[in-house]
Amino acid sequence: MITLQQDADGFVRMNRHFPAKTPIVIRFTDGTTGEYTGARLNELYDAALATFRAENRLDAKGFSRSPAKTVHPTHNVEFVPVQSGMAP
């Protein structure tokens, strides 16, 4: 079992996929907890990654098609938005 803590901005730190059947407990800032599977959090991670890539003009694999001078040294996300009461 993995336990994650939601930060004050509404995110959990997640920089990789978890095994699909692993139970993950999230402690929310409002004091509640929720239990989710790795597959559900992987879906949230993929959605956050797609949003990040779209906002930074990256293609589906995370490559920049713009000139070489970029501001971001990496093309990954580390924080995934979560909220209390989301679907398991």
PDB file of N, CA and C in Angstrom:
ATOM      1  N   MET A   1       0.850  -1.171   0.000  1.00  0.00           N
ATOM      2  CA  MET A   1       0.000   0.000   0.000  1.00  0.00           C
ATOM      3  C   MET A   1       0.898   1.237   0.000  1.00  0.00           C
ATOM      4  N   ILE A   2       0.519   2.212  -0.794  1.00  0.00           N
ATOM      5  CA  ILE A   2       1.249   3.470  -0.902  1.00  0.00           C
ATOM      6  C   ILE A   2       0.361   4.576  -0.348  1.00  0.00           C
ATOM      7  N   THR A   3       0.949   5.484   0.422  1.00  0.00           N
ATOM      8  CA  THR A   3       0.206   6.618   0.976  1.00  0.00           C
ATOM      9  C   THR A   3       0.776   7.907   0.396  1.00  0.00           C
ATOM     10  N   LEU A   4      -0.097   8.744  -0.155  1.00  0.00           N
ATOM     11  CA  LEU A   4       0.286  10.038  -0.703  1.00  0.00           C
ATOM     12  C   LEU A   4      -0.420  11.139   0.074  1.00  0.00           C
ATOM     13  N   GLN A   5       0.209  12.285   0.194  1.00  0.00           N
ATOM     14  CA  GLN A   5      -0.354  13.434   0.912  1.00  0.00           C
ATOM     15  C   GLN A   5      -0.620  14.555  -0.089  1.00  0.00           C
ATOM     16  N   GLN A   6      -1.837  15.080  -0.089  1.00  0.00           N
ATOM     17  CA  GLN A   6      -2.185  16.216  -0.950  1.00  0.00           C
ATOM     18  C   GLN A   6      -1.559  17.478  -0.364  1.00  0.00           C
ATOM     19  N   ASP A   7      -0.964  18.309  -1.226  1.00  0.00           N
ATOM     20  CA  ASP A   7      -0.385  19.558  -0.734  1.00  0.00           C
ATOM     21  C   ASP A   7      -1.444  20.660  -0.696  1.00  0.00           C
ATOM     22  N   ALA A   8      -1.069  21.833  -0.248  1.00  0.00           N
ATOM     23  CA  ALA A   8      -2.016  22.943  -0.081  1.00  0.00           C
ATOM     24  C   ALA A   8      -2.597  23.426  -1.401  1.00  0.00           C
ATOM     25  N   ASP A   9      -1.918  23.174  -2.509  1.00  0.00           N
ATOM     26  CA  ASP A   9      -2.407  23.597  -3.822  1.00  0.00           C
ATOM     27  C   ASP A   9      -3.311  22.570  -4.484  1.00  0.00           C
ATOM     28  N   GLY A  10      -3.490  21.408  -3.871  1.00  0.00           N
ATOM     29  CA  GLY A  10      -4.397  20.393  -4.404  1.00  0.00           C
ATOM     30  C   GLY A  10      -3.721  19.339  -5.267  1.00  0.00           C
ATOM     31  N   PHE A  11      -2.421  19.152  -5.107  1.00  0.00           N
ATOM     32  CA  PHE A  11      -1.681  18.193  -5.919  1.00  0.00           C
ATOM     33  C   PHE A  11      -1.047  17.119  -5.047  1.00  0.00           C
ATOM     34  N   VAL A  12      -0.762  15.962  -5.660  1.00  0.00           N
ATOM     35  CA  VAL A  12       0.074  14.949  -5.043  1.00  0.00           C
ATOM     36  C   VAL A  12       1.305  14.785  -5.920  1.00  0.00           C
ATOM     37  N   ARG A  13       2.415  14.455  -5.300  1.00  0.00           N
ATOM     38  CA  ARG A  13       3.645  14.270  -6.058  1.00  0.00           C
ATOM     39  C   ARG A  13       3.646  12.862  -6.654  1.00  0.00           C
ATOM     40  N   MET A  14       3.770  12.813  -7.962  1.00  0.00           N
ATOM     41  CA  MET A  14       3.751  11.538  -8.675  1.00  0.00           C
ATOM     42  C   MET A  14       4.525  11.739  -9.962  1.00  0.00           C
ATOM     43  N   ASN A  15       5.709  11.158 -10.064  1.00  0.00           N
ATOM     44  CA  ASN A  15       6.519  11.374 -11.253  1.00  0.00           C
ATOM     45  C   ASN A  15       6.662  10.126 -12.119  1.00  0.00           C
ATOM     46  N   ARG A  16       5.816   9.118 -11.849  1.00  0.00           N
ATOM     47  CA  ARG A  16       5.858   7.886 -12.637  1.00  0.00           C
ATOM     48  C   ARG A  16       4.529   7.162 -12.476  1.00  0.00           C
ATOM     49  N   HIS A  17       4.325   6.122 -13.271  1.00  0.00           N
ATOM     50  CA  HIS A  17       3.152   5.278 -13.121  1.00  0.00           C
ATOM     51  C   HIS A  17       3.346   4.314 -11.958  1.00  0.00           C
ATOM     52  N   PHE A  18       2.256   4.000 -11.283  1.00  0.00           N
ATOM     53  CA  PHE A  18       2.264   2.989 -10.239  1.00  0.00           C
ATOM     54  C   PHE A  18       1.739   1.686 -10.833  1.00  0.00           C
ATOM     55  N   PRO A  19       2.043   0.537 -10.222  1.00  0.00           N
ATOM     56  CA  PRO A  19       1.437  -0.718 -10.686  1.00  0.00           C
ATOM     57  C   PRO A  19      -0.091  -0.611 -10.618  1.00  0.00           C
ATOM     58  N   ALA A  20      -0.762  -1.144 -11.612  1.00  0.00           N
ATOM     59  CA  ALA A  20      -2.200  -0.944 -11.784  1.00  0.00           C
ATOM     60  C   ALA A  20      -3.045  -1.426 -10.605  1.00  0.00           C
ATOM     61  N   LYS A  21      -2.687  -2.507  -9.988  1.00  0.00           N
ATOM     62  CA  LYS A  21      -3.525  -3.069  -8.918  1.00  0.00           C
ATOM     63  C   LYS A  21      -3.081  -2.665  -7.517  1.00  0.00           C
ATOM     64  N   THR A  22      -2.088  -1.820  -7.413  1.00  0.00           N
ATOM     65  CA  THR A  22      -1.593  -1.398  -6.104  1.00  0.00           C
ATOM     66  C   THR A  22      -2.600  -0.470  -5.434  1.00  0.00           C
ATOM     67  N   PRO A  23      -2.985  -0.737  -4.179  1.00  0.00           N
ATOM     68  CA  PRO A  23      -3.874   0.195  -3.470  1.00  0.00           C
ATOM     69  C   PRO A  23      -3.089   1.428  -3.021  1.00  0.00           C
ATOM     70  N   ILE A  24      -3.651   2.597  -3.273  1.00  0.00           N
ATOM     71  CA  ILE A  24      -3.002   3.859  -2.920  1.00  0.00           C
ATOM     72  C   ILE A  24      -3.979   4.685  -2.098  1.00  0.00           C
ATOM     73  N   VAL A  25      -3.525   5.131  -0.936  1.00  0.00           N
ATOM     74  CA  VAL A  25      -4.340   5.967  -0.062  1.00  0.00           C
ATOM     75  C   VAL A  25      -3.851   7.403  -0.199  1.00  0.00           C
ATOM     76  N   ILE A  26      -4.808   8.321  -0.416  1.00  0.00           N
ATOM     77  CA  ILE A  26      -4.480   9.747  -0.489  1.00  0.00           C
ATOM     78  C   ILE A  26      -5.084  10.433   0.720  1.00  0.00           C
ATOM     79  N   ARG A  27      -4.251  11.159   1.448  1.00  0.00           N
ATOM     80  CA  ARG A  27      -4.728  11.980   2.562  1.00  0.00           C
ATOM     81  C   ARG A  27      -4.911  13.390   2.030  1.00  0.00           C
ATOM     82  N   PHE A  28      -6.156  13.857   2.036  1.00  0.00           N
ATOM     83  CA  PHE A  28      -6.479  15.178   1.510  1.00  0.00           C
ATOM     84  C   PHE A  28      -6.288  16.244   2.582  1.00  0.00           C
ATOM     85  N   THR A  29      -6.155  17.486   2.146  1.00  0.00           N
ATOM     86  CA  THR A  29      -5.910  18.581   3.088  1.00  0.00           C
ATOM     87  C   THR A  29      -7.114  18.857   3.977  1.00  0.00           C
ATOM     88  N   ASP A  30      -8.311  18.426   3.574  1.00  0.00           N
ATOM     89  CA  ASP A  30      -9.488  18.659   4.411  1.00  0.00           C
ATOM     90  C   ASP A  30      -9.641  17.603   5.509  1.00  0.00           C
ATOM     91  N   GLY A  31      -8.676  16.680   5.607  1.00  0.00           N
ATOM     92  CA  GLY A  31      -8.695  15.675   6.663  1.00  0.00           C
ATOM     93  C   GLY A  31      -9.270  14.334   6.255  1.00  0.00           C
ATOM     94  N   THR A  32      -9.851  14.228   5.088  1.00  0.00           N
ATOM     95  CA  THR A  32     -10.412  12.963   4.634  1.00  0.00           C
ATOM     96  C   THR A  32      -9.340  12.142   3.922  1.00  0.00           C
ATOM     97  N   THR A  33      -9.632  10.867   3.769  1.00  0.00           N
ATOM     98  CA  THR A  33      -8.753   9.987   3.007  1.00  0.00           C
ATOM     99  C   THR A  33      -9.568   9.267   1.956  1.00  0.00           C
ATOM    100  N   GLY A  34      -8.916   8.838   0.914  1.00  0.00           N
ATOM    101  CA  GLY A  34      -9.565   8.070  -0.133  1.00  0.00           C
ATOM    102  C   GLY A  34      -8.627   6.986  -0.612  1.00  0.00           C
ATOM    103  N   GLU A  35      -9.178   5.827  -0.943  1.00  0.00           N
ATOM    104  CA  GLU A  35      -8.358   4.726  -1.437  1.00  0.00           C
ATOM    105  C   GLU A  35      -8.639   4.517  -2.910  1.00  0.00           C
ATOM    106  N   TYR A  36      -7.580   4.478  -3.687  1.00  0.00           N
ATOM    107  CA  TYR A  36      -7.676   4.366  -5.135  1.00  0.00           C
ATOM    108  C   TYR A  36      -6.720   3.287  -5.614  1.00  0.00           C
ATOM    109  N   THR A  37      -6.898   2.848  -6.835  1.00  0.00           N
ATOM    110  CA  THR A  37      -5.972   1.882  -7.422  1.00  0.00           C
ATOM    111  C   THR A  37      -4.891   2.634  -8.189  1.00  0.00           C
ATOM    112  N   GLY A  38      -3.807   1.948  -8.459  1.00  0.00           N
ATOM    113  CA  GLY A  38      -2.747   2.538  -9.256  1.00  0.00           C
ATOM    114  C   GLY A  38      -3.230   2.906 -10.648  1.00  0.00           C
ATOM    115  N   ALA A  39      -4.146   2.110 -11.197  1.00  0.00           N
ATOM    116  CA  ALA A  39      -4.672   2.390 -12.538  1.00  0.00           C
ATOM    117  C   ALA A  39      -5.396   3.733 -12.572  1.00  0.00           C
ATOM    118  N   ARG A  40      -6.168   4.046 -11.536  1.00  0.00           N
ATOM    119  CA  ARG A  40      -6.901   5.322 -11.486  1.00  0.00           C
ATOM    120  C   ARG A  40      -5.929   6.496 -11.409  1.00  0.00           C
ATOM    121  N   LEU A  41      -4.905   6.395 -10.575  1.00  0.00           N
ATOM    122  CA  LEU A  41      -3.937   7.486 -10.476  1.00  0.00           C
ATOM    123  C   LEU A  41      -3.096   7.595 -11.740  1.00  0.00           C
ATOM    124  N   ASN A  42      -2.862   6.472 -12.414  1.00  0.00           N
ATOM    125  CA  ASN A  42      -2.153   6.530 -13.687  1.00  0.00           C
ATOM    126  C   ASN A  42      -2.955   7.301 -14.732  1.00  0.00           C
ATOM    127  N   GLU A  43      -4.284   7.160 -14.704  1.00  0.00           N
ATOM    128  CA  GLU A  43      -5.147   7.933 -15.606  1.00  0.00           C
ATOM    129  C   GLU A  43      -5.020   9.426 -15.322  1.00  0.00           C
ATOM    130  N   LEU A  44      -5.008   9.794 -14.037  1.00  0.00           N
ATOM    131  CA  LEU A  44      -4.854  11.201 -13.668  1.00  0.00           C
ATOM    132  C   LEU A  44      -3.486  11.732 -14.075  1.00  0.00           C
ATOM    133  N   TYR A  45      -2.458  10.914 -13.926  1.00  0.00           N
ATOM    134  CA  TYR A  45      -1.105  11.296 -14.319  1.00  0.00           C
ATOM    135  C   TYR A  45      -1.045  11.531 -15.832  1.00  0.00           C
ATOM    136  N   ASP A  46      -1.637  10.621 -16.599  1.00  0.00           N
ATOM    137  CA  ASP A  46      -1.635  10.762 -18.054  1.00  0.00           C
ATOM    138  C   ASP A  46      -2.374  12.021 -18.496  1.00  0.00           C
ATOM    139  N   ALA A  47      -3.481  12.346 -17.824  1.00  0.00           N
ATOM    140  CA  ALA A  47      -4.228  13.565 -18.157  1.00  0.00           C
ATOM    141  C   ALA A  47      -3.414  14.809 -17.833  1.00  0.00           C
ATOM    142  N   ALA A  48      -2.727  14.807 -16.690  1.00  0.00           N
ATOM    143  CA  ALA A  48      -1.890  15.952 -16.324  1.00  0.00           C
ATOM    144  C   ALA A  48      -0.717  16.097 -17.292  1.00  0.00           C
ATOM    145  N   LEU A  49      -0.154  14.990 -17.719  1.00  0.00           N
ATOM    146  CA  LEU A  49       0.959  15.012 -18.665  1.00  0.00           C
ATOM    147  C   LEU A  49       0.504  15.535 -20.022  1.00  0.00           C
ATOM    148  N   ALA A  50      -0.672  15.127 -20.483  1.00  0.00           N
ATOM    149  CA  ALA A  50      -1.200  15.617 -21.756  1.00  0.00           C
ATOM    150  C   ALA A  50      -1.463  17.122 -21.704  1.00  0.00           C
ATOM    151  N   THR A  51      -1.989  17.603 -20.584  1.00  0.00           N
ATOM    152  CA  THR A  51      -2.229  19.036 -20.416  1.00  0.00           C
ATOM    153  C   THR A  51      -0.916  19.800 -20.426  1.00  0.00           C
ATOM    154  N   PHE A  52       0.085  19.301 -19.715  1.00  0.00           N
ATOM    155  CA  PHE A  52       1.402  19.937 -19.672  1.00  0.00           C
ATOM    156  C   PHE A  52       2.009  20.024 -21.068  1.00  0.00           C
ATOM    157  N   ARG A  53       1.930  18.926 -21.816  1.00  0.00           N
ATOM    158  CA  ARG A  53       2.507  18.915 -23.157  1.00  0.00           C
ATOM    159  C   ARG A  53       1.773  19.858 -24.093  1.00  0.00           C
ATOM    160  N   ALA A  54       0.460  19.941 -23.975  1.00  0.00           N
ATOM    161  CA  ALA A  54      -0.306  20.846 -24.832  1.00  0.00           C
ATOM    162  C   ALA A  54       0.007  22.302 -24.523  1.00  0.00           C
ATOM    163  N   GLU A  55       0.141  22.640 -23.250  1.00  0.00           N
ATOM    164  CA  GLU A  55       0.418  24.024 -22.867  1.00  0.00           C
ATOM    165  C   GLU A  55       1.838  24.455 -23.225  1.00  0.00           C
ATOM    166  N   ASN A  56       2.746  23.500 -23.351  1.00  0.00           N
ATOM    167  CA  ASN A  56       4.137  23.822 -23.659  1.00  0.00           C
ATOM    168  C   ASN A  56       4.524  23.488 -25.098  1.00  0.00           C
ATOM    169  N   ARG A  57       3.533  23.252 -25.929  1.00  0.00           N
ATOM    170  CA  ARG A  57       3.720  22.985 -27.355  1.00  0.00           C
ATOM    171  C   ARG A  57       4.657  21.809 -27.612  1.00  0.00           C
ATOM    172  N   LEU A  58       4.425  20.727 -26.901  1.00  0.00           N
ATOM    173  CA  LEU A  58       5.194  19.506 -27.096  1.00  0.00           C
ATOM    174  C   LEU A  58       4.322  18.507 -27.839  1.00  0.00           C
ATOM    175  N   ASP A  59       4.945  17.589 -28.564  1.00  0.00           N
ATOM    176  CA  ASP A  59       4.150  16.587 -29.266  1.00  0.00           C
ATOM    177  C   ASP A  59       3.760  15.465 -28.301  1.00  0.00           C
ATOM    178  N   ALA A  60       3.115  14.433 -28.804  1.00  0.00           N
ATOM    179  CA  ALA A  60       2.584  13.370 -27.958  1.00  0.00           C
ATOM    180  C   ALA A  60       3.670  12.590 -27.219  1.00  0.00           C
ATOM    181  N   LYS A  61       4.888  12.586 -27.736  1.00  0.00           N
ATOM    182  CA  LYS A  61       5.979  11.880 -27.069  1.00  0.00           C
ATOM    183  C   LYS A  61       6.783  12.791 -26.153  1.00  0.00           C
ATOM    184  N   GLY A  62       6.447  14.078 -26.093  1.00  0.00           N
ATOM    185  CA  GLY A  62       7.132  15.002 -25.205  1.00  0.00           C
ATOM    186  C   GLY A  62       8.295  15.739 -25.846  1.00  0.00           C
ATOM    187  N   PHE A  63       8.395  15.679 -27.171  1.00  0.00           N
ATOM    188  CA  PHE A  63       9.473  16.369 -27.859  1.00  0.00           C
ATOM    189  C   PHE A  63       9.031  17.755 -28.289  1.00  0.00           C
ATOM    190  N   SER A  64       9.922  18.693 -28.167  1.00  0.00           N
ATOM    191  CA  SER A  64       9.650  20.054 -28.580  1.00  0.00           C
ATOM    192  C   SER A  64       9.968  20.194 -30.057  1.00  0.00           C
ATOM    193  N   ARG A  65       9.043  20.770 -30.805  1.00  0.00           N
ATOM    194  CA  ARG A  65       9.266  20.995 -32.229  1.00  0.00           C
ATOM    195  C   ARG A  65       9.640  22.448 -32.498  1.00  0.00           C
ATOM    196  N   SER A  66       9.913  23.180 -31.435  1.00  0.00           N
ATOM    197  CA  SER A  66      10.324  24.571 -31.559  1.00  0.00           C
ATOM    198  C   SER A  66      11.851  24.652 -31.564  1.00  0.00           C
ATOM    199  N   PRO A  67      12.409  25.826 -31.780  1.00  0.00           N
ATOM    200  CA  PRO A  67      13.872  25.961 -31.743  1.00  0.00           C
ATOM    201  C   PRO A  67      14.459  25.470 -30.413  1.00  0.00           C
ATOM    202  N   ALA A  68      15.750  25.226 -30.398  1.00  0.00           N
ATOM    203  CA  ALA A  68      16.420  24.557 -29.287  1.00  0.00           C
ATOM    204  C   ALA A  68      16.410  25.306 -27.970  1.00  0.00           C
ATOM    205  N   LYS A  69      16.218  26.595 -27.930  1.00  0.00           N
ATOM    206  CA  LYS A  69      16.250  27.314 -26.657  1.00  0.00           C
ATOM    207  C   LYS A  69      14.926  27.152 -25.912  1.00  0.00           C
ATOM    208  N   THR A  70      14.925  26.265 -24.940  1.00  0.00           N
ATOM    209  CA  THR A  70      13.733  26.002 -24.138  1.00  0.00           C
ATOM    210  C   THR A  70      13.969  26.445 -22.705  1.00  0.00           C
ATOM    211  N   VAL A  71      12.890  26.713 -22.024  1.00  0.00           N
ATOM    212  CA  VAL A  71      12.962  27.155 -20.636  1.00  0.00           C
ATOM    213  C   VAL A  71      12.948  25.973 -19.684  1.00  0.00           C
ATOM    214  N   HIS A  72      12.200  24.947 -20.022  1.00  0.00           N
ATOM    215  CA  HIS A  72      12.043  23.796 -19.146  1.00  0.00           C
ATOM    216  C   HIS A  72      13.099  22.740 -19.454  1.00  0.00           C
ATOM    217  N   PRO A  73      13.887  22.334 -18.451  1.00  0.00           N
ATOM    218  CA  PRO A  73      14.918  21.340 -18.697  1.00  0.00           C
ATOM    219  C   PRO A  73      14.361  19.930 -18.869  1.00  0.00           C
ATOM    220  N   THR A  74      13.153  19.674 -18.442  1.00  0.00           N
ATOM    221  CA  THR A  74      12.556  18.354 -18.541  1.00  0.00           C
ATOM    222  C   THR A  74      11.153  18.474 -19.138  1.00  0.00           C
ATOM    223  N   HIS A  75      10.677  17.399 -19.682  1.00  0.00           N
ATOM    224  CA  HIS A  75       9.361  17.396 -20.314  1.00  0.00           C
ATOM    225  C   HIS A  75       8.419  16.456 -19.585  1.00  0.00           C
ATOM    226  N   ASN A  76       8.492  16.455 -18.269  1.00  0.00           N
ATOM    227  CA  ASN A  76       7.659  15.595 -17.437  1.00  0.00           C
ATOM    228  C   ASN A  76       6.923  16.414 -16.387  1.00  0.00           C
ATOM    229  N   VAL A  77       5.918  15.813 -15.800  1.00  0.00           N
ATOM    230  CA  VAL A  77       5.215  16.441 -14.686  1.00  0.00           C
ATOM    231  C   VAL A  77       5.546  15.671 -13.418  1.00  0.00           C
ATOM    232  N   GLU A  78       5.498  16.362 -12.291  1.00  0.00           N
ATOM    233  CA  GLU A  78       5.726  15.701 -11.015  1.00  0.00           C
ATOM    234  C   GLU A  78       4.546  15.842 -10.081  1.00  0.00           C
ATOM    235  N   PHE A  79       3.618  16.745 -10.389  1.00  0.00           N
ATOM    236  CA  PHE A  79       2.496  16.998  -9.512  1.00  0.00           C
ATOM    237  C   PHE A  79       1.196  16.772 -10.267  1.00  0.00           C
ATOM    238  N   VAL A  80       0.309  15.975  -9.666  1.00  0.00           N
ATOM    239  CA  VAL A  80      -0.957  15.611 -10.284  1.00  0.00           C
ATOM    240  C   VAL A  80      -2.091  16.183  -9.449  1.00  0.00           C
ATOM    241  N   PRO A  81      -3.042  16.894 -10.095  1.00  0.00           N
ATOM    242  CA  PRO A  81      -4.151  17.453  -9.311  1.00  0.00           C
ATOM    243  C   PRO A  81      -5.131  16.380  -8.860  1.00  0.00           C
ATOM    244  N   VAL A  82      -5.525  16.422  -7.594  1.00  0.00           N
ATOM    245  CA  VAL A  82      -6.514  15.505  -7.034  1.00  0.00           C
ATOM    246  C   VAL A  82      -7.483  16.304  -6.175  1.00  0.00           C
ATOM    247  N   GLN A  83      -8.637  15.715  -5.914  1.00  0.00           N
ATOM    248  CA  GLN A  83      -9.607  16.380  -5.063  1.00  0.00           C
ATOM    249  C   GLN A  83     -10.356  15.355  -4.239  1.00  0.00           C
ATOM    250  N   SER A  84     -10.789  15.762  -3.092  1.00  0.00           N
ATOM    251  CA  SER A  84     -11.533  14.878  -2.213  1.00  0.00           C
ATOM    252  C   SER A  84     -12.848  14.487  -2.858  1.00  0.00           C
ATOM    253  N   GLY A  85     -13.196  13.223  -2.787  1.00  0.00           N
ATOM    254  CA  GLY A  85     -14.461  12.748  -3.335  1.00  0.00           C
ATOM    255  C   GLY A  85     -14.419  12.381  -4.802  1.00  0.00           C
ATOM    256  N   MET A  86     -13.231  12.316  -5.408  1.00  0.00           N
ATOM    257  CA  MET A  86     -13.173  11.939  -6.824  1.00  0.00           C
ATOM    258  C   MET A  86     -13.476  10.451  -6.966  1.00  0.00           C
ATOM    259  N   ALA A  87     -13.873  10.053  -8.154  1.00  0.00           N
ATOM    260  CA  ALA A  87     -14.275   8.672  -8.397  1.00  0.00           C
ATOM    261  C   ALA A  87     -13.116   7.707  -8.212  1.00  0.00           C
ATOM    262  N   PRO A  88     -13.373   6.555  -7.584  1.00  0.00           N
ATOM    263  CA  PRO A  88     -12.279   5.576  -7.371  1.00  0.00           C
ATOM    264  C   PRO A  88     -11.835   4.889  -8.616  1.00  0.00           C
TER     265      PRO A  88
END
